[in-house]
Protein backbone atom coordinates (compact mmCIF):
# COMPACT_ATOMS: atom_id res chain seq x y z
CA MET A 1 -40.73 3.52 16.87
CA ASP A 2 -38.19 3.24 19.55
CA LEU A 3 -38.63 1.55 22.96
CA PHE A 4 -40.10 4.84 24.42
CA GLN A 5 -42.63 5.23 21.77
CA ASN A 6 -43.72 1.65 21.85
CA PRO A 7 -47.27 0.89 22.99
CA PHE A 8 -46.05 -1.67 25.35
CA HIS A 9 -44.08 1.22 27.17
CA ILE A 10 -46.83 3.72 26.83
CA LEU A 11 -49.43 1.32 28.69
CA SER A 12 -46.85 -0.40 30.88
CA ALA A 13 -47.98 -3.66 29.37
CA THR A 14 -46.18 -6.88 28.69
CA PRO A 15 -46.51 -9.05 25.53
CA ARG A 16 -48.10 -11.68 27.92
CA ASP A 17 -51.06 -9.41 29.00
CA ASN A 18 -54.47 -10.43 27.51
CA ARG A 19 -56.89 -7.99 25.94
CA GLY A 20 -58.76 -7.41 29.30
CA LYS A 21 -55.43 -6.39 31.08
CA ILE A 22 -54.58 -4.18 28.26
CA SER A 23 -57.83 -2.32 28.32
CA ASP A 24 -57.56 -2.01 32.02
CA LEU A 25 -54.03 -0.58 31.68
CA ALA A 26 -55.20 1.79 29.12
CA ASP A 27 -57.97 3.19 31.39
CA GLU A 28 -55.45 3.70 34.21
CA ARG A 29 -52.88 5.50 31.88
CA ARG A 30 -55.45 7.77 30.40
CA LEU A 31 -55.65 9.45 34.01
CA LEU A 32 -51.89 10.28 33.68
CA LEU A 33 -51.06 10.61 29.96
CA ASN A 34 -52.66 11.89 26.72
CA SER A 35 -55.97 10.07 26.23
CA SER A 36 -55.76 9.64 22.46
CA GLY A 37 -52.26 8.21 22.73
CA CYS A 38 -53.41 5.54 25.27
CA THR A 39 -56.47 4.75 23.05
CA GLN A 40 -54.19 4.43 20.03
CA ALA A 41 -51.73 2.18 21.94
CA CYS A 42 -54.59 -0.06 23.26
CA SER A 43 -55.93 -0.35 19.73
CA VAL A 44 -52.55 -1.48 18.30
CA LEU A 45 -51.99 -4.09 21.15
CA THR A 46 -55.47 -5.56 20.96
CA ASN A 47 -55.46 -5.82 17.00
CA PRO A 48 -53.50 -9.10 16.05
CA GLY A 49 -52.38 -7.47 12.83
CA LYS A 50 -51.25 -4.20 14.12
CA ARG A 51 -49.83 -5.76 17.14
CA LEU A 52 -46.84 -7.47 15.25
CA SER A 53 -45.20 -4.23 14.73
CA ALA A 54 -45.23 -3.49 18.52
CA GLU A 55 -44.01 -6.92 19.44
CA ILE A 56 -40.89 -6.78 17.06
CA SER A 57 -39.97 -3.30 18.03
CA TRP A 58 -40.15 -4.21 21.80
CA LEU A 59 -37.88 -6.56 23.64
CA PRO A 60 -38.81 -10.23 22.47
CA GLU A 61 -38.32 -13.09 24.74
CA LEU A 62 -37.36 -10.92 27.69
CA SER A 63 -39.23 -11.26 31.03
CA PRO A 64 -41.50 -8.36 32.13
CA LYS A 65 -39.15 -7.57 34.98
CA ASN A 66 -36.04 -7.43 32.84
CA ALA A 67 -37.72 -5.37 30.17
CA GLU A 68 -38.73 -2.90 32.85
CA LYS A 69 -35.25 -2.75 34.20
CA ILE A 70 -33.77 -1.99 30.69
CA VAL A 71 -36.30 0.69 30.00
CA THR A 72 -35.44 2.35 33.33
CA TRP A 73 -31.72 2.29 32.63
CA LEU A 74 -32.31 3.79 29.18
CA SER A 75 -34.55 6.58 30.65
CA LYS A 76 -31.49 8.70 31.51
CA PRO A 77 -28.44 9.45 29.49
CA VAL A 78 -26.29 6.49 28.98
CA GLN A 79 -22.63 5.83 28.75
CA ALA A 80 -20.88 2.50 27.99
CA ILE A 81 -22.90 -0.55 27.00
CA PRO A 82 -23.32 -3.04 29.97
CA SER A 83 -21.96 -6.38 28.56
CA SER A 84 -23.99 -8.34 30.98
CA THR A 85 -27.22 -6.72 29.65
CA LEU A 86 -26.34 -7.58 26.05
CA ASP A 87 -25.62 -11.26 26.91
CA SER A 88 -29.22 -11.76 28.08
CA LEU A 89 -31.05 -10.39 25.02
CA SER A 90 -32.25 -12.10 21.91
CA PRO A 91 -30.75 -10.41 18.65
CA MET A 92 -33.80 -8.37 17.95
CA ALA A 93 -34.24 -7.21 21.55
CA ARG A 94 -30.56 -6.37 21.57
CA ALA A 95 -30.87 -4.34 18.37
CA ASN A 96 -33.82 -2.36 19.75
CA PHE A 97 -31.99 -1.85 23.07
CA LEU A 98 -28.83 -0.61 21.18
CA ALA A 99 -30.84 1.65 18.80
CA SER A 100 -32.59 3.41 21.82
CA GLY A 101 -29.37 3.70 23.70
CA LEU A 102 -27.57 5.18 20.67
CA GLN A 103 -30.06 8.08 20.60
CA LYS A 104 -29.66 8.74 24.24
CA LEU A 105 -25.86 9.01 24.66
CA ALA A 106 -24.67 11.26 27.39
CA ARG A 107 -22.04 12.54 24.82
CA TYR A 108 -21.20 12.08 21.29
CA ASN A 109 -17.83 11.42 19.90
CA SER A 110 -16.29 9.10 17.35
CA ASN A 111 -15.35 6.28 19.81
CA ASN A 112 -18.60 5.84 21.70
CA VAL A 113 -20.68 6.10 18.61
CA ALA A 114 -18.61 3.38 17.04
CA GLN A 115 -18.90 1.18 20.08
CA TRP A 116 -22.68 1.40 19.90
CA VAL A 117 -23.26 1.03 16.11
CA LEU A 118 -20.99 -2.01 15.69
CA PRO A 119 -23.06 -4.34 18.08
CA LEU A 120 -26.33 -2.87 16.76
CA ALA A 121 -25.22 -3.86 13.08
CA TRP A 122 -24.30 -7.32 14.27
CA ALA A 123 -27.46 -7.84 16.27
CA PHE A 124 -29.64 -7.09 13.26
CA GLU A 125 -27.52 -9.35 11.19
CA GLU A 126 -28.12 -12.30 13.62
CA THR A 127 -31.78 -11.76 13.62
CA ASP A 128 -33.58 -14.90 12.16
CA PRO A 129 -37.26 -14.46 11.20
CA GLU A 130 -38.33 -17.88 11.96
CA GLU A 131 -36.86 -17.83 15.37
CA LEU A 132 -38.35 -14.26 16.20
CA CYS A 133 -41.74 -15.58 14.93
CA ALA A 134 -41.49 -18.50 17.26
CA VAL A 135 -40.74 -16.16 20.31
CA ILE A 136 -43.73 -13.94 19.37
CA ASN A 137 -46.00 -17.08 19.09
CA GLU A 138 -44.96 -18.20 22.63
CA GLU A 139 -45.93 -14.98 24.04
CA ARG A 140 -49.23 -14.74 22.06
CA ILE A 141 -50.30 -18.22 23.33
CA VAL A 142 -49.86 -16.85 26.89
CA SER A 143 -51.67 -13.66 26.08
CA GLY A 144 -54.48 -15.31 24.17
CA PHE A 145 -53.83 -13.65 20.80
CA PRO A 146 -53.88 -15.83 17.52
CA GLU A 147 -50.41 -16.94 16.45
CA VAL A 148 -48.57 -15.44 13.36
CA THR A 149 -48.73 -17.77 10.49
CA ASP A 150 -47.49 -15.54 7.76
CA LEU A 151 -43.72 -15.50 8.10
CA SER A 152 -43.41 -12.82 5.42
CA ALA A 153 -45.30 -10.51 7.70
CA VAL A 154 -42.51 -10.84 10.25
CA GLU A 155 -39.82 -10.33 7.61
CA ALA A 156 -41.60 -7.17 6.42
CA GLU A 157 -41.54 -5.82 9.92
CA ILE A 158 -37.83 -6.68 10.35
CA GLN A 159 -37.12 -4.57 7.27
CA GLU A 160 -39.07 -1.73 8.98
CA ARG A 161 -36.76 -2.09 11.85
CA ARG A 162 -33.84 -1.99 9.48
CA SER A 163 -35.08 1.56 8.34
CA HIS A 164 -35.39 2.63 12.06
CA TYR A 165 -31.89 1.45 12.78
CA LYS A 166 -30.51 3.22 9.83
CA GLN A 167 -32.16 6.44 11.01
CA ALA A 168 -30.88 5.92 14.62
CA ILE A 169 -27.35 5.62 13.17
CA LYS A 170 -27.60 8.62 11.08
CA SER A 171 -28.97 10.64 13.87
CA ALA A 172 -26.04 9.75 16.21
CA LEU A 173 -23.49 10.43 13.33
CA ASP A 174 -25.13 13.95 12.88
CA ASN A 175 -24.21 14.85 16.49
CA LEU A 176 -20.52 14.51 15.59
CA SER A 177 -18.27 17.13 14.13
CA ALA A 178 -17.26 16.53 10.45
CA LYS A 179 -13.82 15.19 11.48
CA GLU A 180 -15.33 12.80 14.13
CA LEU A 181 -18.04 11.61 11.79
CA VAL A 182 -15.53 10.57 9.25
CA GLU A 183 -13.36 8.82 11.93
CA ALA A 184 -16.42 6.97 13.40
CA VAL A 185 -17.59 5.71 9.99
CA THR A 186 -14.01 4.66 9.00
CA VAL A 187 -13.50 2.74 12.31
CA VAL A 188 -16.88 1.00 12.06
CA VAL A 189 -16.45 0.02 8.45
CA LYS A 190 -12.75 -1.21 8.82
CA SER A 191 -13.75 -3.22 11.93
CA ALA A 192 -16.89 -4.71 10.51
CA THR A 193 -15.32 -5.77 7.29
CA ASP A 194 -11.75 -6.69 8.51
CA ASP A 195 -10.35 -3.79 6.38
CA GLY A 196 -12.45 -4.61 3.50
CA GLU A 197 -11.50 -8.32 3.30
CA SER A 198 -14.96 -9.68 4.17
CA GLN A 199 -18.56 -8.82 3.72
CA GLY A 200 -19.88 -6.69 6.61
CA PRO A 201 -23.44 -6.50 8.14
CA ILE A 202 -26.08 -4.95 5.96
CA LEU A 203 -26.65 -2.09 8.27
CA ILE A 204 -23.03 -1.15 7.79
CA ASP A 205 -23.53 -1.00 3.99
CA ASP A 206 -26.69 1.12 4.65
CA MET A 207 -24.62 3.40 6.79
CA VAL A 208 -21.84 3.91 4.14
CA ASP A 209 -24.43 4.40 1.43
CA SER A 210 -26.03 7.26 3.44
CA TYR A 211 -22.58 8.58 4.22
CA GLU A 212 -21.63 8.59 0.49
CA VAL A 213 -24.69 10.71 -0.25
CA GLU A 214 -23.81 13.16 2.45
CA ALA A 215 -20.05 13.40 1.42
CA GLN A 216 -20.79 13.57 -2.31
CA GLY A 217 -20.59 17.35 -2.39
CA PHE A 218 -17.18 17.42 -0.65
CA LEU A 219 -15.78 14.62 -2.68
CA GLU A 220 -16.77 16.29 -5.99
CA LYS A 221 -15.56 19.57 -4.83
CA GLU A 222 -12.12 18.11 -3.87
CA GLU A 223 -11.96 16.05 -7.18
CA GLY A 224 -12.40 19.46 -9.02
CA ASN A 225 -9.44 20.87 -7.04
CA ILE A 226 -7.34 17.87 -7.81
CA THR A 227 -8.12 18.11 -11.41
CA ALA A 228 -7.27 21.91 -11.43
CA LEU A 229 -3.92 21.24 -9.67
CA VAL A 230 -2.94 18.42 -12.25
CA ASP A 231 -3.82 20.71 -15.06
CA ARG A 232 -1.75 23.67 -13.49
CA ILE A 233 1.23 21.36 -13.05
CA ARG A 234 0.98 20.18 -16.63
CA LYS A 235 0.93 23.82 -17.78
CA THR A 236 3.83 24.71 -15.61
CA LEU A 237 5.80 21.80 -17.21
CA ASP A 238 5.33 23.46 -20.57
CA LEU A 239 6.95 26.76 -19.53
CA HIS A 240 10.60 27.55 -19.63
CA GLN A 241 12.92 28.67 -16.87
CA CYS A 242 15.96 30.80 -17.47
CA PRO A 243 18.93 28.86 -16.25
CA LYS A 244 20.78 32.12 -15.37
CA CYS A 245 18.00 34.28 -13.46
CA GLY A 246 15.35 31.72 -12.85
CA HIS A 247 12.63 33.67 -14.68
CA ILE A 248 9.75 31.54 -15.82
CA GLN A 249 8.03 32.29 -19.10
CA PRO A 250 6.53 30.53 -22.29
CA GLU A 251 8.88 28.91 -24.49
CA GLN A 252 11.09 31.39 -26.65
CA ASP A 253 14.84 31.75 -27.33
CA GLU A 254 15.61 34.91 -25.23
CA CYS A 255 14.76 35.49 -21.45
CA LEU A 256 12.37 38.33 -21.09
CA LYS A 257 14.11 39.27 -17.86
CA CYS A 258 17.93 39.06 -18.27
CA GLY A 259 18.04 38.85 -21.96
CA ILE A 260 20.29 35.76 -22.29
CA ILE A 261 19.90 33.59 -25.58
CA PHE A 262 18.64 30.09 -24.44
CA HIS A 263 20.02 28.07 -27.17
CA LYS A 264 23.53 29.82 -26.80
CA TYR A 265 23.47 29.43 -23.08
CA ILE A 266 22.63 25.66 -23.30
CA LYS A 267 25.38 25.17 -25.94
CA LEU A 268 28.16 27.15 -24.26
CA GLU A 269 27.43 26.63 -20.44
CA GLY A 270 25.40 23.60 -20.24
CA GLY A 271 22.34 25.31 -18.87
CA ASP A 272 18.78 23.65 -18.78
CA THR A 273 15.59 25.52 -19.62
CA GLY A 274 13.31 22.98 -18.09
CA ILE A 275 11.21 23.85 -15.04
CA SER A 276 13.29 23.09 -11.89
CA ASP A 277 12.11 20.71 -9.08
CA ASP A 278 12.16 23.67 -6.78
CA VAL A 279 9.24 25.27 -8.73
CA LEU A 280 7.29 21.98 -9.03
CA SER A 281 7.81 20.64 -5.60
CA PRO A 282 5.33 22.94 -3.79
CA LEU A 283 2.74 22.25 -6.39
CA ILE A 284 3.36 18.45 -6.07
CA SER A 285 3.24 18.72 -2.31
CA GLN A 286 -0.21 20.63 -2.50
CA LEU A 287 -1.63 17.90 -4.81
CA ILE A 288 -0.50 15.12 -2.59
CA GLN A 289 -2.17 16.84 0.37
CA VAL A 290 -5.46 17.48 -1.54
CA VAL A 291 -5.48 13.86 -2.59
CA LYS A 292 -4.94 12.76 0.97
CA ASN A 293 -7.75 15.01 2.19
CA TRP A 294 -9.99 13.61 -0.34
CA ASP A 295 -9.15 9.95 0.59
CA THR A 296 -9.69 10.66 4.30
CA VAL A 297 -13.38 11.16 3.55
CA ALA A 298 -13.54 8.61 0.71
CA GLN A 299 -11.76 5.75 2.71
CA PRO A 300 -14.75 4.23 4.54
CA ILE A 301 -16.47 4.09 1.04
CA GLN A 302 -13.48 2.46 -0.50
CA VAL A 303 -13.33 -0.07 2.18
CA SER A 304 -16.94 -0.84 1.98
CA THR A 305 -16.86 -1.09 -1.73
CA LYS A 306 -13.94 -3.42 -1.45
CA SER A 307 -15.82 -5.69 0.95
CA ARG A 308 -18.70 -5.89 -1.55
CA GLY A 309 -16.42 -6.94 -4.41
CA LEU A 310 -17.12 -3.72 -6.26
CA ASN A 311 -14.93 -0.98 -7.77
CA HIS A 312 -15.01 2.63 -6.44
CA GLU A 313 -15.25 4.62 -9.61
CA ALA A 314 -14.27 8.00 -8.02
CA SER A 315 -11.11 6.42 -6.70
CA ARG A 316 -10.27 4.87 -10.09
CA ARG A 317 -10.80 8.38 -11.79
CA ILE A 318 -8.51 10.24 -9.42
CA ALA A 319 -5.97 7.42 -9.36
CA ALA A 320 -5.84 7.43 -13.18
CA LEU A 321 -5.46 11.19 -13.26
CA VAL A 322 -2.76 11.53 -10.83
CA ARG A 323 -0.97 8.37 -12.20
CA GLY A 324 -1.14 10.01 -15.69
CA LEU A 325 0.71 13.13 -14.33
CA ALA A 326 3.38 10.87 -12.56
CA MET A 327 4.03 9.06 -15.81
CA HIS A 328 4.14 12.38 -17.80
CA LEU A 329 6.62 13.84 -15.23
CA PHE A 330 8.90 10.88 -15.96
CA ASN A 331 8.45 10.02 -19.60
CA GLU A 332 8.38 13.70 -20.89
CA HIS A 333 10.40 15.61 -18.44
CA SER A 334 12.64 13.05 -16.66
CA LYS A 335 11.30 14.14 -13.17
CA LEU A 336 11.93 10.66 -11.53
CA ASN A 337 11.93 11.89 -8.06
CA LEU A 338 8.62 13.93 -8.33
CA SER A 339 7.00 10.96 -10.26
CA GLN A 340 8.13 8.56 -7.36
CA GLN A 341 6.56 10.94 -4.84
CA LEU A 342 3.27 10.77 -6.53
CA THR A 343 3.38 7.06 -7.21
CA ASN A 344 4.28 6.30 -3.50
CA MET A 345 1.38 8.50 -2.37
CA LEU A 346 -1.03 6.70 -4.66
CA GLN A 347 0.15 3.26 -3.34
CA GLU A 348 -0.44 4.39 0.18
CA VAL A 349 -3.75 6.24 -0.45
CA PHE A 350 -5.52 3.64 -2.72
CA ALA A 351 -4.38 0.53 -0.82
CA GLU A 352 -8.03 -0.25 -0.18
CA VAL A 353 -8.93 -0.06 -4.06
CA GLY A 354 -7.71 -3.52 -5.22
CA GLU A 355 -7.59 -2.90 -9.07
CA VAL A 356 -5.92 0.44 -8.56
CA ALA A 357 -3.52 -0.69 -5.83
CA GLU A 358 -2.21 -3.55 -8.16
CA LEU A 359 -1.65 -1.07 -11.11
CA ILE A 360 0.07 1.48 -8.78
CA THR A 361 2.30 -1.33 -7.29
CA GLU A 362 3.40 -2.26 -10.75
CA ASP A 363 4.17 1.43 -11.40
CA THR A 364 6.16 1.72 -8.24
CA ILE A 365 8.07 -1.37 -8.99
CA ALA A 366 8.75 -0.12 -12.61
CA LEU A 367 9.95 3.31 -11.42
CA ASN A 368 12.19 1.87 -8.81
CA GLU A 369 13.68 -0.41 -11.32
CA ILE A 370 14.26 2.66 -13.62
CA ALA A 371 15.83 4.50 -10.73
CA GLN A 372 18.20 1.72 -10.35
CA ARG A 373 19.02 1.59 -14.03
CA VAL A 374 19.47 5.31 -14.04
CA CYS A 375 21.95 5.06 -11.29
CA LEU A 376 23.76 2.28 -13.12
CA ILE A 377 24.13 4.55 -16.23
CA GLU A 378 25.02 7.54 -14.15
CA ASP A 379 27.73 5.68 -12.28
CA ALA A 380 29.13 4.87 -15.70
CA LYS A 381 29.55 8.64 -16.55
CA ASN A 382 32.85 9.15 -14.78
CA GLN A 383 33.10 12.90 -15.21
CA THR A 384 30.64 14.16 -12.55
CA GLU A 385 31.77 15.65 -9.44
CA GLU A 386 29.77 13.26 -7.22
CA TRP A 387 31.57 10.34 -9.08
CA ARG A 388 34.93 11.93 -8.64
CA ARG A 389 34.41 12.17 -4.92
CA GLU A 390 33.00 8.68 -4.57
CA ILE A 391 35.96 6.94 -6.24
CA THR A 392 38.83 8.99 -4.92
CA TYR A 393 40.86 7.18 -2.42
CA GLU A 394 44.41 7.16 -1.02
CA THR A 395 46.14 4.90 1.56
CA ASN A 396 49.61 3.40 2.31
CA VAL A 397 50.11 -0.26 2.00
CA GLY A 398 52.84 -2.06 3.89
CA PHE A 399 54.69 -1.31 7.19
CA LEU A 400 58.35 -0.76 6.85
CA LYS A 401 58.31 0.71 3.30
CA PRO A 402 54.76 1.51 2.65
CA ASP A 403 53.61 1.76 -1.01
CA LYS A 404 51.01 4.49 -1.93
CA LEU A 405 47.85 3.35 -3.41
CA ARG A 406 45.67 5.99 -4.98
CA ILE A 407 42.45 5.72 -6.94
CA SER A 408 41.15 8.75 -8.61
CA PRO A 409 39.42 9.84 -11.91
CA GLU A 410 43.07 10.28 -13.35
CA GLY A 411 43.52 6.57 -12.82
CA ILE A 412 45.04 4.01 -10.36
CA GLU A 413 48.46 4.74 -9.12
CA TRP A 414 50.34 1.77 -7.66
CA LYS A 415 54.01 0.86 -7.28
CA GLY A 416 55.19 3.81 -9.35
CA ARG A 417 52.86 3.22 -12.27
CA ARG A 418 49.54 4.80 -13.14
CA TRP A 419 46.71 2.83 -14.95
CA ASP A 420 44.25 4.78 -16.88
CA LEU A 421 40.73 3.76 -15.75
CA ASP A 422 39.50 3.28 -19.34
CA SER A 423 42.52 1.13 -20.09
CA ILE A 424 41.67 -1.53 -17.46
CA THR A 425 39.67 -4.50 -18.91
CA GLY A 426 39.88 -7.06 -16.09
CA ILE A 427 39.34 -6.77 -12.30
CA ARG A 428 39.26 -9.44 -9.61
CA TRP A 429 39.47 -9.57 -5.85
CA GLY A 430 38.90 -11.91 -2.94
CA GLY A 431 40.14 -12.95 0.68
CA THR A 432 41.79 -16.03 2.11
CA ARG A 433 41.49 -17.03 5.75
CA HIS A 434 44.56 -18.59 7.38
CA SER A 435 44.89 -21.04 10.36
CA VAL A 436 47.50 -22.93 12.22
CA ASN A 437 46.37 -26.30 13.61
CA GLY A 438 42.82 -25.22 13.34
CA ILE A 439 43.44 -21.89 15.09
CA PRO A 440 42.62 -18.77 12.93
CA THR A 441 45.70 -16.69 12.42
CA GLY A 442 44.13 -13.77 10.14
CA ALA A 443 43.26 -13.37 6.44
CA THR A 444 44.92 -11.89 3.42
CA TYR A 445 43.13 -10.06 0.73
CA ASN A 446 44.13 -9.81 -2.95
CA ILE A 447 42.94 -7.39 -5.51
CA GLY A 448 43.95 -7.46 -9.23
CA PHE A 449 43.51 -5.34 -12.21
CA GLY A 450 44.97 -4.96 -15.64
CA ASN A 451 44.59 -5.51 -19.39
CA SER A 452 46.08 -7.37 -22.19
CA SER A 453 49.39 -5.67 -21.94
CA GLY A 454 49.88 -5.92 -18.27
CA TYR A 455 48.58 -6.83 -14.89
CA SER A 456 49.04 -5.52 -11.17
CA SER A 457 48.10 -7.03 -8.01
CA ILE A 458 47.77 -5.73 -4.39
CA ARG A 459 48.03 -7.77 -1.20
CA LEU A 460 46.33 -6.34 1.94
CA LYS A 461 45.81 -7.48 5.40
CA LYS A 462 43.53 -4.96 6.74
CA GLN A 463 39.82 -5.69 5.83
CA LYS A 464 38.82 -1.91 6.26
CA ILE A 465 41.26 -0.91 3.52
CA TYR A 466 40.30 -3.91 1.29
CA SER A 467 36.67 -2.93 1.51
CA ASN A 468 37.49 0.81 0.69
CA VAL A 469 39.66 -0.19 -2.34
CA ILE A 470 37.18 -2.67 -3.93
CA ASP A 471 34.31 -0.23 -3.31
CA ARG A 472 36.19 2.48 -5.30
CA LEU A 473 37.40 -0.18 -7.93
CA TRP A 474 33.83 -1.17 -8.62
CA ARG A 475 32.56 2.42 -9.06
CA ALA A 476 35.61 3.52 -11.05
CA VAL A 477 36.06 0.53 -13.29
CA GLY A 478 33.54 -2.37 -12.62
CA VAL A 479 30.38 -0.42 -13.47
CA ARG A 480 32.08 0.62 -16.85
CA ILE A 481 33.11 -3.07 -17.56
CA LEU A 482 29.61 -4.27 -16.81
CA THR A 483 28.10 -1.73 -19.14
CA ASP A 484 30.40 -2.45 -21.99
CA LEU A 485 29.74 -6.25 -21.40
CA LEU A 486 25.93 -5.70 -21.63
CA LYS A 487 26.47 -3.51 -24.90
CA ASP A 488 28.65 -6.09 -26.50
CA LEU A 489 26.22 -8.98 -25.73
CA CYS A 490 23.28 -6.81 -27.18
CA GLU A 491 25.37 -6.58 -30.27
CA GLY A 492 25.67 -10.31 -30.66
CA LYS A 493 29.11 -10.80 -29.11
CA GLN A 494 30.11 -13.76 -26.77
CA TYR A 495 32.37 -13.98 -23.83
CA ARG A 496 34.40 -16.78 -22.45
CA PHE A 497 34.80 -17.35 -18.77
CA GLY A 498 36.88 -20.45 -17.99
CA THR A 499 35.15 -23.39 -20.01
CA ALA A 500 31.77 -21.51 -20.26
CA ILE A 501 30.71 -19.18 -22.94
CA ILE A 502 28.04 -16.66 -22.30
CA SER A 503 25.80 -14.75 -24.95
CA ASP A 504 22.94 -12.31 -24.35
CA TYR A 505 20.40 -15.20 -24.21
CA GLY A 506 22.22 -17.69 -21.96
CA MET A 507 25.41 -19.64 -21.21
CA GLU A 508 26.95 -22.68 -22.87
CA LEU A 509 28.28 -25.13 -20.23
CA GLU A 510 30.47 -28.10 -20.38
CA LYS A 511 29.43 -31.58 -19.10
CA PHE A 512 32.31 -33.76 -18.24
CA ARG A 513 32.15 -37.30 -19.75
CA TRP A 514 34.49 -40.20 -18.71
CA ILE A 515 34.53 -41.59 -22.08
CA GLY A 516 34.61 -39.47 -25.29
CA ASP A 517 34.56 -35.70 -25.63
CA ASN A 518 32.84 -33.49 -23.07
CA GLU A 519 29.42 -32.40 -24.10
CA ARG A 520 28.55 -28.70 -24.38
CA VAL A 521 25.04 -27.68 -23.51
CA PHE A 522 23.48 -24.19 -24.08
CA CYS A 523 21.20 -23.12 -21.32
CA ARG A 524 18.75 -20.18 -21.26
CA TRP A 525 19.08 -17.79 -18.28
CA ASP A 526 15.79 -18.94 -16.83
CA GLU A 527 17.19 -22.54 -16.89
CA LEU A 528 20.07 -21.60 -14.60
CA VAL A 529 20.62 -21.31 -10.89
CA ILE A 530 23.51 -19.60 -9.18
CA TRP A 531 25.17 -19.93 -5.74
CA SER A 532 28.54 -18.92 -4.10
CA GLY A 533 31.10 -21.52 -2.84
CA ALA A 534 34.49 -21.18 -1.03
CA GLY A 535 36.05 -18.32 -3.13
CA VAL A 536 34.11 -19.39 -6.22
CA PHE A 537 30.96 -18.24 -8.06
CA CYS A 538 28.96 -21.21 -9.13
CA ILE A 539 26.31 -21.63 -11.89
CA GLY A 540 24.47 -24.68 -13.08
CA LYS A 541 21.22 -26.06 -14.69
CA LYS A 542 18.36 -26.35 -12.41
CA GLU A 543 17.41 -29.80 -13.53
CA ASP A 544 20.93 -31.27 -14.03
CA LYS A 545 23.37 -31.35 -11.10
CA LYS A 546 26.11 -32.48 -13.34
CA LEU A 547 25.87 -29.52 -15.68
CA SER A 548 27.76 -26.63 -13.77
CA ALA A 549 30.87 -24.46 -13.65
CA ASN A 550 32.81 -22.75 -11.01
CA PHE A 551 34.64 -19.46 -11.45
CA SER A 552 37.39 -18.30 -8.88
CA TYR A 553 36.92 -14.72 -7.64
CA GLN A 554 40.78 -14.37 -7.16
CA ASP A 555 42.07 -16.15 -10.25
CA GLU A 556 39.74 -15.04 -13.03
CA ASP A 557 38.94 -11.59 -14.33
CA ASN A 558 35.53 -9.94 -14.04
CA ILE A 559 33.83 -12.78 -12.14
CA HIS A 560 32.24 -10.17 -9.81
CA VAL A 561 30.99 -8.31 -12.89
CA LEU A 562 29.55 -11.51 -14.35
CA GLU A 563 27.90 -12.39 -11.09
CA ALA A 564 26.37 -8.87 -10.57
CA ALA A 565 24.72 -9.02 -14.16
CA ILE A 566 23.28 -12.49 -13.73
CA ARG A 567 22.04 -11.85 -10.24
CA MET A 568 20.35 -8.63 -11.43
CA LEU A 569 18.73 -10.49 -14.31
CA LEU A 570 17.51 -13.32 -12.23
CA LYS A 571 15.89 -10.92 -9.86
CA ARG A 572 14.18 -8.79 -12.30
CA GLY A 573 13.35 -11.29 -14.92
CA GLY A 574 13.93 -11.37 -18.62
CA ASP A 575 15.46 -13.58 -21.39
CA ARG A 576 18.38 -11.31 -22.33
CA LEU A 577 21.15 -9.90 -20.11
CA SER A 578 21.34 -6.66 -22.12
CA SER A 579 17.76 -5.96 -20.99
CA LEU A 580 19.40 -4.52 -17.82
CA LEU A 581 20.42 -1.50 -19.85
CA GLY A 582 16.80 -0.68 -20.62
CA ASP A 583 15.13 0.06 -23.88
């Protein structure tokens, strides 16, 4: 019962009225109201056992005057909750007030329903059976009724109120449109559980359980649509697309539309019969949208499940299904971009599902690393048009008699000589700042490259030209030297840099001794730490400050290459430098 169905309201009685007063009030009210209703109300309030339900569903601990004021205020459509009223109420009285108000809102939208549901849930959570029993007994002493001695009877009535509150909340939600209902439940759950990080009130769990039952039909239907879309994308991937006319058909040697022979076309013209991203992208976009629609409805369930320390099985199923497609797109068809689109979407959508979120995060990191390695390998393939554009650069160096410097796929042209890119085995660069009497006078920048048969150097004063040159030099030569270095290390070869010797598994450093020969110590990569000094790259053992080596950027070849490899390995983790190449 709500406040307006309560026997105290029907008879205009208070919990402090004795039996005689209640009987007199019943006689008076019979003249105005339904006689049987007044008789029943009188019977409830004068029976100590039946009376408990009416007492708990009324306004415990509130004075008759204030109780009348609240009922009068609730007798018309209500708007916002008066905070001053809430502050004066005990938890159970507050819950009864809010439940009645929730059913008498002047208008229903997601915001005002959420504003009433949240304090109702917390008020019920704060209700203490012993404190409530004490309040009821105080009023019974005044009214002359026997005190309640069975606390379990109070607890049972509190659970009855819980059922009433659940129904009041559901009734309010049913007054909303489907979109606003989802918004209201989502707002309430996130606020009550701190986005799933803490356990919320029991009434919020009840609300979500009821919501889940109502939403089950939609969620199952959308899950079916997701399954069908994933199946469609997988079947599309098994088709072939003519590289000449774009016709899509089952796998065979000849295009059914233009008649070209696939295997001949591939061999002679470099065509690709795999399904293009243009065909797959609309399907992937549609799948992403359907999953997001599903998640919008499922999100309050996910958050509530997380707050209870449980797993949301439907989320796990859908995440596994779409994740499997993402992995298939990459592993079987090299569709890295589409795979990343799906993985990024899953990371966003299932952020509230702990186990799934962790797994998807690992996938995202792995795909990002793969993308980086793919870029590294692709940069080493120096025949693509993009690579040609990236490395091509031309400028004049010098003022009175400038020398032309040109970098292109055909080589590096400098001072009348052209160096083939593949012939260059060593590169170096660095800058030196100058000053007179402590006053900066500018800087010079040195770039060097060459091989065992010769060496050339470039001296620059303009930082912009310097930056442009070393950027092209790295793309044109540095990546290839880095790749060759990693391949050689993988095959067991070693490289010497100064006094240090590196292998695939670590570096051998030299420790200086004042007496006797210097000691050489092998260190694994995970035992080393790196830093940069004034014009030098430094590396040393973590636990031994005396065991280190410095390498000059300007005076030694390929120090930038070495640094790039070590930094990537230390960031990514691993025990072998060659692992940067991938499996």
